[in-house]
């Protein structure tokens, strides 16, 4: 999951678009959603992230990528 660290281009673009961004440095990990997406709730976005993560790291997926 992308983490828009303060000062990088993605963060500056989100600030320009006035997206809600967290400034709590304690939450800068892969389990927190820092911004709102148009058309998706935070719960929908997080469930999609977990589903994608789970599919990417299945044993079969890892074997396919390594051959």
PDB file of N, CA and C in Angstrom:
ATOM      1  N   UNK A   1       0.843  -1.169   0.000  1.00  0.00           N
ATOM      2  CA  UNK A   1       0.000   0.000   0.000  1.00  0.00           C
ATOM      3  C   UNK A   1       0.894   1.239   0.000  1.00  0.00           C
ATOM      4  N   UNK A   2       0.542   2.177  -0.822  1.00  0.00           N
ATOM      5  CA  UNK A   2       1.335   3.391  -0.916  1.00  0.00           C
ATOM      6  C   UNK A   2       1.209   4.221   0.371  1.00  0.00           C
ATOM      7  N   UNK A   3       2.334   4.699   0.833  1.00  0.00           N
ATOM      8  CA  UNK A   3       2.351   5.598   1.985  1.00  0.00           C
ATOM      9  C   UNK A   3       2.850   6.949   1.504  1.00  0.00           C
ATOM     10  N   UNK A   4       1.983   7.952   1.496  1.00  0.00           N
ATOM     11  CA  UNK A   4       2.412   9.270   1.022  1.00  0.00           C
ATOM     12  C   UNK A   4       3.171  10.034   2.109  1.00  0.00           C
ATOM     13  N   UNK A   5       4.471   9.827   2.161  1.00  0.00           N
ATOM     14  CA  UNK A   5       5.287  10.514   3.166  1.00  0.00           C
ATOM     15  C   UNK A   5       5.304  12.021   2.887  1.00  0.00           C
ATOM     16  N   UNK A   6       5.256  12.825   3.929  1.00  0.00           N
ATOM     17  CA  UNK A   6       5.261  14.278   3.739  1.00  0.00           C
ATOM     18  C   UNK A   6       6.457  14.739   2.900  1.00  0.00           C
ATOM     19  N   UNK A   7       6.148  15.563   1.917  1.00  0.00           N
ATOM     20  CA  UNK A   7       7.179  16.139   1.081  1.00  0.00           C
ATOM     21  C   UNK A   7       7.397  15.451  -0.255  1.00  0.00           C
ATOM     22  N   UNK A   8       6.950  14.181  -0.395  1.00  0.00           N
ATOM     23  CA  UNK A   8       7.144  13.519  -1.691  1.00  0.00           C
ATOM     24  C   UNK A   8       6.040  13.954  -2.655  1.00  0.00           C
ATOM     25  N   UNK A   9       6.224  13.674  -3.912  1.00  0.00           N
ATOM     26  CA  UNK A   9       5.310  14.164  -4.946  1.00  0.00           C
ATOM     27  C   UNK A   9       3.878  13.709  -4.705  1.00  0.00           C
ATOM     28  N   UNK A  10       3.677  12.438  -4.360  1.00  0.00           N
ATOM     29  CA  UNK A  10       2.312  11.950  -4.129  1.00  0.00           C
ATOM     30  C   UNK A  10       1.642  12.722  -2.998  1.00  0.00           C
ATOM     31  N   UNK A  11       2.358  12.982  -1.949  1.00  0.00           N
ATOM     32  CA  UNK A  11       1.817  13.719  -0.804  1.00  0.00           C
ATOM     33  C   UNK A  11       1.467  15.147  -1.218  1.00  0.00           C
ATOM     34  N   UNK A  12       2.361  15.789  -1.965  1.00  0.00           N
ATOM     35  CA  UNK A  12       2.105  17.156  -2.410  1.00  0.00           C
ATOM     36  C   UNK A  12       0.891  17.217  -3.329  1.00  0.00           C
ATOM     37  N   UNK A  13       0.745  16.228  -4.204  1.00  0.00           N
ATOM     38  CA  UNK A  13      -0.408  16.180  -5.098  1.00  0.00           C
ATOM     39  C   UNK A  13      -1.708  15.984  -4.302  1.00  0.00           C
ATOM     40  N   UNK A  14      -1.664  15.142  -3.299  1.00  0.00           N
ATOM     41  CA  UNK A  14      -2.851  14.930  -2.467  1.00  0.00           C
ATOM     42  C   UNK A  14      -3.214  16.190  -1.687  1.00  0.00           C
ATOM     43  N   UNK A  15      -2.219  16.897  -1.241  1.00  0.00           N
ATOM     44  CA  UNK A  15      -2.487  18.165  -0.552  1.00  0.00           C
ATOM     45  C   UNK A  15      -3.117  19.168  -1.520  1.00  0.00           C
ATOM     46  N   UNK A  16      -2.624  19.201  -2.743  1.00  0.00           N
ATOM     47  CA  UNK A  16      -3.165  20.118  -3.746  1.00  0.00           C
ATOM     48  C   UNK A  16      -4.630  19.804  -4.046  1.00  0.00           C
ATOM     49  N   UNK A  17      -4.967  18.500  -4.086  1.00  0.00           N
ATOM     50  CA  UNK A  17      -6.349  18.090  -4.355  1.00  0.00           C
ATOM     51  C   UNK A  17      -7.229  18.129  -3.111  1.00  0.00           C
ATOM     52  N   UNK A  18      -6.625  18.527  -1.981  1.00  0.00           N
ATOM     53  CA  UNK A  18      -7.339  18.629  -0.706  1.00  0.00           C
ATOM     54  C   UNK A  18      -7.925  17.284  -0.247  1.00  0.00           C
ATOM     55  N   UNK A  19      -7.181  16.212  -0.505  1.00  0.00           N
ATOM     56  CA  UNK A  19      -7.582  14.907   0.003  1.00  0.00           C
ATOM     57  C   UNK A  19      -7.229  14.853   1.477  1.00  0.00           C
ATOM     58  N   UNK A  20      -8.043  14.128   2.229  1.00  0.00           N
ATOM     59  CA  UNK A  20      -7.741  13.948   3.650  1.00  0.00           C
ATOM     60  C   UNK A  20      -6.507  13.076   3.784  1.00  0.00           C
ATOM     61  N   UNK A  21      -5.505  13.591   4.467  1.00  0.00           N
ATOM     62  CA  UNK A  21      -4.262  12.854   4.681  1.00  0.00           C
ATOM     63  C   UNK A  21      -3.951  12.879   6.172  1.00  0.00           C
ATOM     64  N   UNK A  22      -3.515  11.743   6.694  1.00  0.00           N
ATOM     65  CA  UNK A  22      -3.128  11.692   8.102  1.00  0.00           C
ATOM     66  C   UNK A  22      -1.709  12.234   8.268  1.00  0.00           C
ATOM     67  N   UNK A  23      -1.509  12.968   9.336  1.00  0.00           N
ATOM     68  CA  UNK A  23      -0.176  13.470   9.660  1.00  0.00           C
ATOM     69  C   UNK A  23       0.398  12.768  10.885  1.00  0.00           C
ATOM     70  N   UNK A  24      -0.256  11.688  11.312  1.00  0.00           N
ATOM     71  CA  UNK A  24       0.176  10.941  12.491  1.00  0.00           C
ATOM     72  C   UNK A  24       1.280   9.964  12.091  1.00  0.00           C
ATOM     73  N   UNK A  25       2.524  10.295  12.413  1.00  0.00           N
ATOM     74  CA  UNK A  25       3.669   9.468  12.048  1.00  0.00           C
ATOM     75  C   UNK A  25       3.639   8.074  12.638  1.00  0.00           C
ATOM     76  N   UNK A  26       2.897   7.863  13.726  1.00  0.00           N
ATOM     77  CA  UNK A  26       2.800   6.534  14.329  1.00  0.00           C
ATOM     78  C   UNK A  26       2.040   5.563  13.433  1.00  0.00           C
ATOM     79  N   UNK A  27       1.298   6.087  12.483  1.00  0.00           N
ATOM     80  CA  UNK A  27       0.485   5.234  11.614  1.00  0.00           C
ATOM     81  C   UNK A  27       1.137   4.992  10.258  1.00  0.00           C
ATOM     82  N   UNK A  28       2.390   5.365  10.091  1.00  0.00           N
ATOM     83  CA  UNK A  28       3.056   5.177   8.816  1.00  0.00           C
ATOM     84  C   UNK A  28       3.522   3.731   8.680  1.00  0.00           C
ATOM     85  N   UNK A  29       2.560   2.846   8.449  1.00  0.00           N
ATOM     86  CA  UNK A  29       2.848   1.440   8.221  1.00  0.00           C
ATOM     87  C   UNK A  29       1.887   0.931   7.148  1.00  0.00           C
ATOM     88  N   UNK A  30       1.936  -0.327   6.857  1.00  0.00           N
ATOM     89  CA  UNK A  30       1.112  -0.884   5.786  1.00  0.00           C
ATOM     90  C   UNK A  30      -0.332  -1.162   6.185  1.00  0.00           C
ATOM     91  N   UNK A  31      -0.712  -0.893   7.410  1.00  0.00           N
ATOM     92  CA  UNK A  31      -2.049  -1.240   7.872  1.00  0.00           C
ATOM     93  C   UNK A  31      -2.982  -0.044   7.992  1.00  0.00           C
ATOM     94  N   UNK A  32      -2.541   1.130   7.598  1.00  0.00           N
ATOM     95  CA  UNK A  32      -3.364   2.321   7.767  1.00  0.00           C
ATOM     96  C   UNK A  32      -3.569   3.010   6.422  1.00  0.00           C
ATOM     97  N   UNK A  33      -4.790   3.442   6.164  1.00  0.00           N
ATOM     98  CA  UNK A  33      -5.103   4.145   4.924  1.00  0.00           C
ATOM     99  C   UNK A  33      -4.983   5.635   5.193  1.00  0.00           C
ATOM    100  N   UNK A  34      -4.105   6.281   4.474  1.00  0.00           N
ATOM    101  CA  UNK A  34      -3.791   7.689   4.725  1.00  0.00           C
ATOM    102  C   UNK A  34      -4.661   8.678   3.976  1.00  0.00           C
ATOM    103  N   UNK A  35      -5.398   8.222   2.996  1.00  0.00           N
ATOM    104  CA  UNK A  35      -6.109   9.170   2.147  1.00  0.00           C
ATOM    105  C   UNK A  35      -7.426   8.566   1.685  1.00  0.00           C
ATOM    106  N   UNK A  36      -8.339   9.400   1.252  1.00  0.00           N
ATOM    107  CA  UNK A  36      -9.617   8.940   0.742  1.00  0.00           C
ATOM    108  C   UNK A  36      -9.556   8.840  -0.776  1.00  0.00           C
ATOM    109  N   UNK A  37     -10.178   7.796  -1.307  1.00  0.00           N
ATOM    110  CA  UNK A  37     -10.250   7.600  -2.747  1.00  0.00           C
ATOM    111  C   UNK A  37     -11.666   7.881  -3.224  1.00  0.00           C
ATOM    112  N   UNK A  38     -11.776   8.494  -4.357  1.00  0.00           N
ATOM    113  CA  UNK A  38     -13.096   8.768  -4.926  1.00  0.00           C
ATOM    114  C   UNK A  38     -13.769   7.448  -5.289  1.00  0.00           C
ATOM    115  N   UNK A  39     -14.975   7.259  -4.834  1.00  0.00           N
ATOM    116  CA  UNK A  39     -15.751   6.083  -5.207  1.00  0.00           C
ATOM    117  C   UNK A  39     -15.533   4.846  -4.364  1.00  0.00           C
ATOM    118  N   UNK A  40     -14.601   4.876  -3.411  1.00  0.00           N
ATOM    119  CA  UNK A  40     -14.345   3.718  -2.549  1.00  0.00           C
ATOM    120  C   UNK A  40     -14.331   4.161  -1.095  1.00  0.00           C
ATOM    121  N   UNK A  41     -14.972   3.367  -0.270  1.00  0.00           N
ATOM    122  CA  UNK A  41     -14.858   3.634   1.161  1.00  0.00           C
ATOM    123  C   UNK A  41     -13.509   3.101   1.634  1.00  0.00           C
ATOM    124  N   UNK A  42     -13.074   3.529   2.791  1.00  0.00           N
ATOM    125  CA  UNK A  42     -11.812   3.035   3.351  1.00  0.00           C
ATOM    126  C   UNK A  42     -11.875   1.524   3.548  1.00  0.00           C
ATOM    127  N   UNK A  43     -13.041   1.017   3.949  1.00  0.00           N
ATOM    128  CA  UNK A  43     -13.197  -0.416   4.161  1.00  0.00           C
ATOM    129  C   UNK A  43     -13.086  -1.177   2.842  1.00  0.00           C
ATOM    130  N   UNK A  44     -13.713  -0.692   1.777  1.00  0.00           N
ATOM    131  CA  UNK A  44     -13.621  -1.344   0.468  1.00  0.00           C
ATOM    132  C   UNK A  44     -12.177  -1.351  -0.033  1.00  0.00           C
ATOM    133  N   UNK A  45     -11.516  -0.228   0.116  1.00  0.00           N
ATOM    134  CA  UNK A  45     -10.128  -0.115  -0.320  1.00  0.00           C
ATOM    135  C   UNK A  45      -9.238  -1.091   0.447  1.00  0.00           C
ATOM    136  N   UNK A  46      -9.409  -1.158   1.760  1.00  0.00           N
ATOM    137  CA  UNK A  46      -8.569  -2.034   2.584  1.00  0.00           C
ATOM    138  C   UNK A  46      -8.849  -3.505   2.282  1.00  0.00           C
ATOM    139  N   UNK A  47     -10.116  -3.861   2.097  1.00  0.00           N
ATOM    140  CA  UNK A  47     -10.438  -5.258   1.753  1.00  0.00           C
ATOM    141  C   UNK A  47      -9.820  -5.632   0.400  1.00  0.00           C
ATOM    142  N   UNK A  48      -9.854  -4.703  -0.562  1.00  0.00           N
ATOM    143  CA  UNK A  48      -9.224  -4.956  -1.858  1.00  0.00           C
ATOM    144  C   UNK A  48      -7.721  -5.124  -1.735  1.00  0.00           C
ATOM    145  N   UNK A  49      -7.122  -4.308  -0.894  1.00  0.00           N
ATOM    146  CA  UNK A  49      -5.674  -4.408  -0.641  1.00  0.00           C
ATOM    147  C   UNK A  49      -5.335  -5.778  -0.045  1.00  0.00           C
ATOM    148  N   UNK A  50      -6.084  -6.205   0.964  1.00  0.00           N
ATOM    149  CA  UNK A  50      -5.810  -7.496   1.601  1.00  0.00           C
ATOM    150  C   UNK A  50      -6.011  -8.644   0.620  1.00  0.00           C
ATOM    151  N   UNK A  51      -7.057  -8.568  -0.205  1.00  0.00           N
ATOM    152  CA  UNK A  51      -7.306  -9.618  -1.188  1.00  0.00           C
ATOM    153  C   UNK A  51      -6.160  -9.700  -2.198  1.00  0.00           C
ATOM    154  N   UNK A  52      -5.711  -8.563  -2.673  1.00  0.00           N
ATOM    155  CA  UNK A  52      -4.600  -8.521  -3.624  1.00  0.00           C
ATOM    156  C   UNK A  52      -3.326  -9.063  -2.989  1.00  0.00           C
ATOM    157  N   UNK A  53      -3.046  -8.651  -1.752  1.00  0.00           N
ATOM    158  CA  UNK A  53      -1.877  -9.126  -1.014  1.00  0.00           C
ATOM    159  C   UNK A  53      -1.919 -10.643  -0.866  1.00  0.00           C
ATOM    160  N   UNK A  54      -3.082 -11.160  -0.464  1.00  0.00           N
ATOM    161  CA  UNK A  54      -3.221 -12.604  -0.262  1.00  0.00           C
ATOM    162  C   UNK A  54      -3.016 -13.377  -1.563  1.00  0.00           C
ATOM    163  N   UNK A  55      -3.560 -12.873  -2.679  1.00  0.00           N
ATOM    164  CA  UNK A  55      -3.390 -13.555  -3.968  1.00  0.00           C
ATOM    165  C   UNK A  55      -1.946 -13.495  -4.455  1.00  0.00           C
ATOM    166  N   UNK A  56      -1.277 -12.385  -4.226  1.00  0.00           N
ATOM    167  CA  UNK A  56       0.098 -12.217  -4.687  1.00  0.00           C
ATOM    168  C   UNK A  56       1.054 -13.154  -3.952  1.00  0.00           C
ATOM    169  N   UNK A  57       0.806 -13.394  -2.667  1.00  0.00           N
ATOM    170  CA  UNK A  57       1.729 -14.186  -1.866  1.00  0.00           C
ATOM    171  C   UNK A  57       1.283 -15.631  -1.638  1.00  0.00           C
ATOM    172  N   UNK A  58       0.404 -16.156  -2.490  1.00  0.00           N
ATOM    173  CA  UNK A  58       0.100 -17.577  -2.390  1.00  0.00           C
ATOM    174  C   UNK A  58       1.312 -18.351  -2.880  1.00  0.00           C
ATOM    175  N   UNK A  59       1.444 -19.570  -2.443  1.00  0.00           N
ATOM    176  CA  UNK A  59       2.580 -20.397  -2.855  1.00  0.00           C
ATOM    177  C   UNK A  59       2.597 -20.566  -4.378  1.00  0.00           C
ATOM    178  N   UNK A  60       1.442 -20.815  -4.971  1.00  0.00           N
ATOM    179  CA  UNK A  60       1.374 -20.993  -6.421  1.00  0.00           C
ATOM    180  C   UNK A  60       1.806 -19.718  -7.149  1.00  0.00           C
ATOM    181  N   UNK A  61       1.391 -18.566  -6.664  1.00  0.00           N
ATOM    182  CA  UNK A  61       1.772 -17.301  -7.291  1.00  0.00           C
ATOM    183  C   UNK A  61       3.279 -17.070  -7.188  1.00  0.00           C
ATOM    184  N   UNK A  62       3.852 -17.396  -6.068  1.00  0.00           N
ATOM    185  CA  UNK A  62       5.294 -17.229  -5.888  1.00  0.00           C
ATOM    186  C   UNK A  62       6.053 -18.161  -6.832  1.00  0.00           C
ATOM    187  N   UNK A  63       5.596 -19.399  -6.958  1.00  0.00           N
ATOM    188  CA  UNK A  63       6.247 -20.357  -7.850  1.00  0.00           C
ATOM    189  C   UNK A  63       6.159 -19.879  -9.295  1.00  0.00           C
ATOM    190  N   UNK A  64       5.007 -19.369  -9.707  1.00  0.00           N
ATOM    191  CA  UNK A  64       4.844 -18.884 -11.081  1.00  0.00           C
ATOM    192  C   UNK A  64       5.799 -17.728 -11.373  1.00  0.00           C
ATOM    193  N   UNK A  65       5.975 -16.840 -10.433  1.00  0.00           N
ATOM    194  CA  UNK A  65       6.850 -15.696 -10.652  1.00  0.00           C
ATOM    195  C   UNK A  65       8.321 -16.072 -10.645  1.00  0.00           C
ATOM    196  N   UNK A  66       8.667 -17.170  -9.997  1.00  0.00           N
ATOM    197  CA  UNK A  66      10.084 -17.533  -9.876  1.00  0.00           C
ATOM    198  C   UNK A  66      10.560 -18.420 -11.021  1.00  0.00           C
ATOM    199  N   UNK A  67       9.662 -18.834 -11.882  1.00  0.00           N
ATOM    200  CA  UNK A  67      10.082 -19.706 -12.996  1.00  0.00           C
ATOM    201  C   UNK A  67      10.154 -18.960 -14.299  1.00  0.00           C
TER     202      UNK A  67
END
